[in-house]
Protein backbone atom coordinates (compact mmCIF):
# COMPACT_ATOMS: atom_id res chain seq x y z
CA MET A 1 101.52 -96.71 153.19
CA THR A 2 103.91 -98.10 150.62
CA LEU A 3 102.90 -100.98 148.39
CA SER A 4 105.49 -103.02 146.58
CA LEU A 5 104.08 -104.83 143.52
CA PRO A 6 105.60 -108.06 142.22
CA LEU A 7 106.22 -108.85 138.52
CA LEU A 8 102.94 -108.47 136.71
CA THR A 9 103.14 -110.02 133.29
CA GLN A 10 105.38 -111.40 130.59
CA GLU A 11 104.85 -110.00 127.13
CA LYS A 12 106.48 -109.98 123.74
CA ARG A 13 106.86 -106.71 121.91
CA LYS A 14 108.32 -106.30 118.42
CA GLY A 15 110.10 -103.19 117.36
CA ALA A 16 110.54 -101.89 120.88
CA GLY A 17 113.90 -100.46 121.61
CA ASP A 18 113.77 -100.66 125.41
CA ILE A 19 112.05 -104.02 125.87
CA GLU A 20 113.34 -107.08 123.99
CA ASP A 21 111.30 -109.99 122.82
CA SER A 22 110.07 -112.32 125.56
CA ALA A 23 111.36 -109.86 128.20
CA LEU A 24 109.65 -109.66 131.59
CA ALA A 25 108.04 -106.25 131.87
CA PHE A 26 106.07 -104.28 134.44
CA GLN A 27 102.87 -102.73 133.19
CA VAL A 28 101.44 -99.74 134.95
CA ARG A 29 97.76 -99.66 134.22
CA LYS A 30 95.36 -96.80 134.66
CA ARG A 31 91.69 -97.53 135.06
CA SER A 32 89.39 -95.36 132.98
CA GLY A 33 85.80 -96.42 133.16
CA THR A 34 85.70 -100.11 132.30
CA GLU A 35 88.93 -100.23 130.33
CA ASN A 36 92.55 -100.56 131.49
CA HIS A 37 95.09 -98.46 129.66
CA ILE A 38 98.83 -99.21 129.77
CA VAL A 39 100.54 -95.92 130.63
CA ALA A 40 104.08 -97.29 131.12
CA ALA A 41 106.02 -100.46 130.74
CA PHE A 42 109.48 -101.16 132.23
CA PRO A 43 111.87 -104.09 131.76
CA ALA A 44 112.50 -106.27 134.75
CA PRO A 45 113.84 -106.12 137.37
CA PHE A 46 112.03 -103.17 138.90
CA LYS A 47 110.19 -102.50 142.13
CA MET A 48 107.16 -100.25 142.02
CA SER A 49 106.13 -98.28 145.11
CA VAL A 50 102.69 -96.65 145.32
CA SER A 51 102.04 -94.23 148.16
CA ALA A 52 99.55 -91.37 148.66
CA GLY A 53 98.81 -90.81 144.99
CA THR A 54 102.42 -91.06 143.84
CA THR A 55 104.17 -93.87 142.00
CA ARG A 56 107.90 -94.55 142.06
CA ILE A 57 109.78 -96.98 139.88
CA ILE A 58 113.01 -98.16 141.60
CA THR A 59 115.65 -100.18 139.74
CA MET A 60 116.64 -103.43 141.46
CA GLU A 61 119.88 -104.54 139.94
CA GLY A 62 120.57 -107.45 142.29
CA ASN A 63 122.89 -110.02 140.85
CA LEU A 64 122.40 -109.06 137.20
CA ASN A 65 124.59 -105.97 137.22
CA SER A 66 127.44 -106.32 139.68
CA SER A 67 129.28 -103.40 141.11
CA PHE A 68 132.50 -104.79 139.61
CA ASP A 69 133.29 -103.13 136.29
CA MET A 70 136.44 -103.67 134.30
CA ASP A 71 136.10 -100.43 132.36
CA GLN A 72 134.77 -97.99 135.03
CA ARG A 73 136.99 -98.73 137.98
CA ASP A 74 136.19 -95.65 140.05
CA PRO A 75 132.41 -95.10 139.71
CA ASN A 76 132.15 -93.22 142.94
CA ASN A 77 135.06 -90.83 142.12
CA LEU A 78 137.08 -91.79 145.17
CA ASN A 79 140.45 -90.81 143.70
CA ASN A 80 139.77 -87.78 141.61
CA HIS A 81 142.46 -85.92 143.54
CA ILE A 82 145.15 -88.25 142.14
CA GLN A 83 146.19 -86.42 138.99
CA VAL A 84 149.42 -87.98 137.72
CA GLN A 85 149.16 -87.40 134.02
CA TRP A 86 152.07 -85.75 132.18
CA SER A 87 150.17 -82.48 131.78
CA ASP A 88 149.27 -82.55 135.52
CA VAL A 89 152.89 -82.81 136.63
CA ILE A 90 155.08 -81.11 134.05
CA GLY A 91 154.35 -77.89 132.10
CA GLU A 92 156.59 -75.57 130.16
CA PRO A 93 155.57 -71.91 129.91
CA GLU A 94 155.62 -69.90 126.73
CA SER A 95 158.74 -68.07 127.77
CA ILE A 96 161.02 -71.07 127.92
CA ARG A 97 160.77 -74.39 126.19
CA SER A 98 162.94 -77.45 125.59
CA ASN A 99 163.60 -79.09 122.33
CA ASP A 100 160.68 -81.11 120.77
CA CYS A 101 162.75 -84.26 120.73
CA ILE A 102 163.70 -83.90 124.40
CA TRP A 103 160.08 -83.08 125.33
CA ASN A 104 158.76 -86.12 123.49
CA CYS A 105 161.42 -88.39 124.90
CA SER A 106 160.82 -87.13 128.45
CA TYR A 107 157.07 -87.73 128.02
CA LYS A 108 157.57 -91.32 126.89
CA CYS A 109 160.10 -91.99 129.69
CA TYR A 110 157.70 -90.61 132.27
CA ARG A 111 154.70 -92.55 131.01
CA GLY A 112 156.57 -95.82 130.58
CA THR A 113 158.24 -95.60 133.96
CA LYS A 114 155.02 -94.72 135.72
CA ASN A 115 153.00 -97.48 134.10
CA CYS A 116 155.64 -100.20 134.51
CA CYS A 117 156.29 -99.29 138.14
CA TYR A 118 152.58 -99.20 138.98
CA GLN A 119 151.95 -102.50 137.27
CA SER A 120 154.81 -104.16 139.06
CA ILE A 121 153.78 -102.84 142.45
CA THR A 122 150.13 -103.83 141.96
CA LEU A 123 151.23 -107.31 140.73
CA ILE A 124 153.14 -107.93 143.92
CA PHE A 125 151.16 -106.18 146.60
CA ALA A 126 147.64 -105.57 145.28
CA PRO A 127 146.28 -109.12 145.93
CA LEU A 128 147.74 -109.11 149.42
CA VAL A 129 146.37 -105.66 150.21
CA ALA A 130 143.00 -106.64 148.78
CA PHE A 131 142.99 -109.78 150.95
CA CYS A 132 143.75 -107.73 154.10
CA MET A 133 141.15 -105.09 153.21
CA GLY A 134 138.56 -107.83 152.68
CA LEU A 135 139.25 -109.22 156.13
CA GLN A 136 139.20 -105.79 157.66
CA PHE A 137 135.91 -104.68 156.12
CA ALA A 138 134.32 -108.08 156.82
CA CYS A 139 135.21 -107.75 160.51
CA LEU A 140 133.98 -104.13 160.43
CA ALA A 141 130.65 -105.13 158.94
CA PHE A 142 130.33 -107.99 161.45
CA GLN A 143 130.96 -105.57 164.30
CA HIS A 144 128.38 -103.06 163.09
CA ILE A 145 125.71 -105.70 162.18
CA TRP A 146 126.02 -107.98 165.15
CA CYS A 147 127.49 -105.76 167.94
CA TYR A 148 127.10 -102.01 167.50
CA VAL A 149 123.56 -101.74 166.00
CA PRO A 150 121.89 -104.17 168.49
CA CYS A 151 123.60 -102.32 171.41
CA ILE A 152 122.42 -98.95 170.09
CA ARG A 153 118.90 -100.34 169.72
CA CYS A 154 118.98 -101.68 173.22
CA LEU A 155 120.25 -98.32 174.52
CA LYS A 156 117.47 -96.50 172.69
CA ILE A 157 114.84 -98.75 174.17
CA ASN A 158 116.22 -98.34 177.70
CA CYS A 159 116.72 -94.58 177.37
CA SER A 160 113.19 -94.05 176.15
CA VAL A 161 111.94 -94.91 179.62
CA VAL A 162 114.38 -92.45 181.27
CA ARG A 163 113.28 -89.84 178.76
CA ASP A 164 109.61 -90.31 179.62
CA VAL A 165 110.36 -90.13 183.35
CA ILE A 166 112.40 -86.95 182.98
CA THR A 167 109.72 -85.38 180.83
CA ILE A 168 107.00 -86.14 183.43
CA ILE A 169 109.18 -84.68 186.27
CA LEU A 170 109.96 -81.49 184.30
CA GLN A 171 106.33 -81.01 183.39
CA ALA A 172 105.18 -81.54 186.95
CA LEU A 173 107.82 -79.49 188.78
CA CYS A 174 109.44 -77.01 186.42
CA ALA A 175 106.72 -76.26 183.92
CA PRO A 176 104.45 -74.26 186.31
CA TRP A 177 107.34 -72.05 187.49
CA ILE A 178 108.52 -71.43 184.00
CA GLU A 179 104.99 -70.54 182.80
CA THR A 180 104.55 -68.20 185.69
CA CYS A 181 107.80 -66.41 185.06
CA GLY A 182 107.00 -66.20 181.37
CA HIS A 183 103.57 -64.67 182.20
CA CYS A 184 105.13 -62.07 184.45
CA LEU A 185 107.92 -61.10 182.03
CA SER A 186 105.46 -60.91 179.16
CA ARG A 187 103.91 -57.78 180.75
CA ILE A 188 107.16 -55.82 180.55
CA LYS A 189 106.98 -53.21 177.90
CA VAL A 190 110.06 -51.51 176.44
CA ARG A 191 109.70 -48.26 174.61
CA TYR A 192 112.43 -46.76 172.45
CA GLN A 193 112.54 -43.02 172.13
CA ARG A 194 115.13 -41.19 170.08
CA ILE A 195 116.61 -38.05 171.59
CA SER A 196 116.61 -35.20 169.13
CA ASP A 197 119.96 -34.28 167.73
CA LEU A 198 119.09 -30.55 168.01
CA GLN A 199 119.09 -30.60 171.76
CA GLN A 200 122.16 -29.33 173.52
CA GLU A 201 124.21 -31.68 175.69
CA GLU A 202 123.67 -29.57 178.83
CA ASP A 203 119.96 -29.80 178.47
CA LEU A 204 120.00 -33.56 178.78
CA LEU A 205 119.01 -35.07 182.03
CA THR A 206 120.26 -38.54 182.73
CA VAL A 207 118.68 -40.59 185.49
């Protein structure tokens, strides 16, 4: 059984680095005799789950911390394979090198062209592509939520009856025969005996 506890109390703590003043906090209390001891306190919002002697604290971000981040734009590492830095594309070995001025100029041309071209393409096409992807994933979510999952649930409910019927038939008709065959075959004994390497080939008798 899992128990989800609501927000317990509102307290003010001074000098605490993790909980600010007048912050909502969860208090995990441990009963010892007649006194209650606070063993942990967590800033809201959290959800506490207590089950079979174990306690779990789960962060519930909700609307406070959105998944949109201006600084970390790939938190799930979706495009780690796209390595387009200068050092990922161009590299001169020790045996042959260009002039420092040419190398520096080439680096600036590459970086400027790449950034300007990418900014221009995203300025023109990124909002349109984002609009189309929003429609696509909205339709996909609608299909899964309102069509696929209910159909799968309905199929599971209907197939459970067929499964029970087939199980009863197999247990009534096939199970006795299989148990009998297994009982007969279990009495077969196989013995492995190694023929001595010292015996001559003509002395062997093969049946």
